[in-house]
């Protein structure tokens, strides 16, 4: 599922546009950080975790 943000209505307050820009920039940074962690992790670290205490792989799959 993708999120598509459109500039409609065009009279949307500037603070809403700025808030969306800040949130998407933060999301991009956090996604890149998570992908770096996964890329550096070994198979055991990615596979670790339980239903109660999630591991790196479970978190990555859930968020991505």
C-alpha atoms as a PDB file:
ATOM      1  CA  UNK A   1       0.000   0.000   0.000  1.00  0.00           C
ATOM      2  CA  UNK A   2       1.361   3.419  -0.924  1.00  0.00           C
ATOM      3  CA  UNK A   3       0.597   6.827   0.434  1.00  0.00           C
ATOM      4  CA  UNK A   4       0.115   9.508  -2.200  1.00  0.00           C
ATOM      5  CA  UNK A   5      -0.031  13.098  -0.997  1.00  0.00           C
ATOM      6  CA  UNK A   6      -1.620  15.533  -3.398  1.00  0.00           C
ATOM      7  CA  UNK A   7      -1.803  19.299  -3.237  1.00  0.00           C
ATOM      8  CA  UNK A   8      -5.574  19.307  -3.345  1.00  0.00           C
ATOM      9  CA  UNK A   9      -7.234  21.421  -2.135  1.00  0.00           C
ATOM     10  CA  UNK A  10      -4.769  24.039  -3.268  1.00  0.00           C
ATOM     11  CA  UNK A  11      -5.793  26.344  -0.417  1.00  0.00           C
ATOM     12  CA  UNK A  12      -4.422  23.912   2.194  1.00  0.00           C
ATOM     13  CA  UNK A  13      -2.739  25.888   5.004  1.00  0.00           C
ATOM     14  CA  UNK A  14       1.044  26.181   4.688  1.00  0.00           C
ATOM     15  CA  UNK A  15       1.608  24.512   8.060  1.00  0.00           C
ATOM     16  CA  UNK A  16      -0.042  21.320   6.805  1.00  0.00           C
ATOM     17  CA  UNK A  17       2.278  21.243   3.775  1.00  0.00           C
ATOM     18  CA  UNK A  18       5.292  21.859   6.040  1.00  0.00           C
ATOM     19  CA  UNK A  19       4.177  19.164   8.476  1.00  0.00           C
ATOM     20  CA  UNK A  20       3.818  16.621   5.668  1.00  0.00           C
ATOM     21  CA  UNK A  21       7.278  17.552   4.350  1.00  0.00           C
ATOM     22  CA  UNK A  22       8.837  17.153   7.814  1.00  0.00           C
ATOM     23  CA  UNK A  23       7.154  13.801   8.418  1.00  0.00           C
ATOM     24  CA  UNK A  24       8.123  12.364   5.057  1.00  0.00           C
ATOM     25  CA  UNK A  25      11.730  13.550   5.464  1.00  0.00           C
ATOM     26  CA  UNK A  26      11.870  11.924   8.913  1.00  0.00           C
ATOM     27  CA  UNK A  27      10.343   8.728   7.546  1.00  0.00           C
ATOM     28  CA  UNK A  28      12.916   8.609   4.730  1.00  0.00           C
ATOM     29  CA  UNK A  29      15.794   9.003   7.220  1.00  0.00           C
ATOM     30  CA  UNK A  30      14.436   6.325   9.560  1.00  0.00           C
ATOM     31  CA  UNK A  31      13.832   3.902   6.682  1.00  0.00           C
ATOM     32  CA  UNK A  32      17.408   4.381   5.452  1.00  0.00           C
ATOM     33  CA  UNK A  33      18.712   3.816   8.978  1.00  0.00           C
ATOM     34  CA  UNK A  34      16.709   0.606   9.359  1.00  0.00           C
ATOM     35  CA  UNK A  35      17.884  -0.674   5.978  1.00  0.00           C
ATOM     36  CA  UNK A  36      21.512  -0.011   7.017  1.00  0.00           C
ATOM     37  CA  UNK A  37      20.983  -2.017  10.223  1.00  0.00           C
ATOM     38  CA  UNK A  38      19.485  -4.925   8.296  1.00  0.00           C
ATOM     39  CA  UNK A  39      22.268  -4.836   5.697  1.00  0.00           C
ATOM     40  CA  UNK A  40      24.916  -5.028   8.426  1.00  0.00           C
ATOM     41  CA  UNK A  41      23.192  -7.752  10.470  1.00  0.00           C
ATOM     42  CA  UNK A  42      24.001 -11.416  10.148  1.00  0.00           C
ATOM     43  CA  UNK A  43      21.347 -14.060   9.525  1.00  0.00           C
ATOM     44  CA  UNK A  44      21.063 -14.926  13.223  1.00  0.00           C
ATOM     45  CA  UNK A  45      20.349 -11.309  14.183  1.00  0.00           C
ATOM     46  CA  UNK A  46      17.719 -10.975  11.469  1.00  0.00           C
ATOM     47  CA  UNK A  47      16.032 -14.264  12.421  1.00  0.00           C
ATOM     48  CA  UNK A  48      16.074 -13.564  16.187  1.00  0.00           C
ATOM     49  CA  UNK A  49      12.892 -12.615  17.988  1.00  0.00           C
ATOM     50  CA  UNK A  50       9.716 -14.037  19.441  1.00  0.00           C
ATOM     51  CA  UNK A  51       6.044 -13.157  19.301  1.00  0.00           C
ATOM     52  CA  UNK A  52       6.513 -11.150  22.503  1.00  0.00           C
ATOM     53  CA  UNK A  53       9.933  -9.589  21.877  1.00  0.00           C
ATOM     54  CA  UNK A  54      10.446  -8.760  18.236  1.00  0.00           C
ATOM     55  CA  UNK A  55      13.838  -8.994  16.628  1.00  0.00           C
ATOM     56  CA  UNK A  56      15.382  -6.829  13.922  1.00  0.00           C
ATOM     57  CA  UNK A  57      13.992  -8.882  11.045  1.00  0.00           C
ATOM     58  CA  UNK A  58      10.445  -8.826  12.410  1.00  0.00           C
ATOM     59  CA  UNK A  59      10.585  -5.073  12.963  1.00  0.00           C
ATOM     60  CA  UNK A  60      11.996  -4.479   9.477  1.00  0.00           C
ATOM     61  CA  UNK A  61       9.323  -6.583   7.781  1.00  0.00           C
ATOM     62  CA  UNK A  62       6.580  -4.884   9.775  1.00  0.00           C
ATOM     63  CA  UNK A  63       7.781  -1.356   9.029  1.00  0.00           C
ATOM     64  CA  UNK A  64       8.868  -1.800   5.447  1.00  0.00           C
END
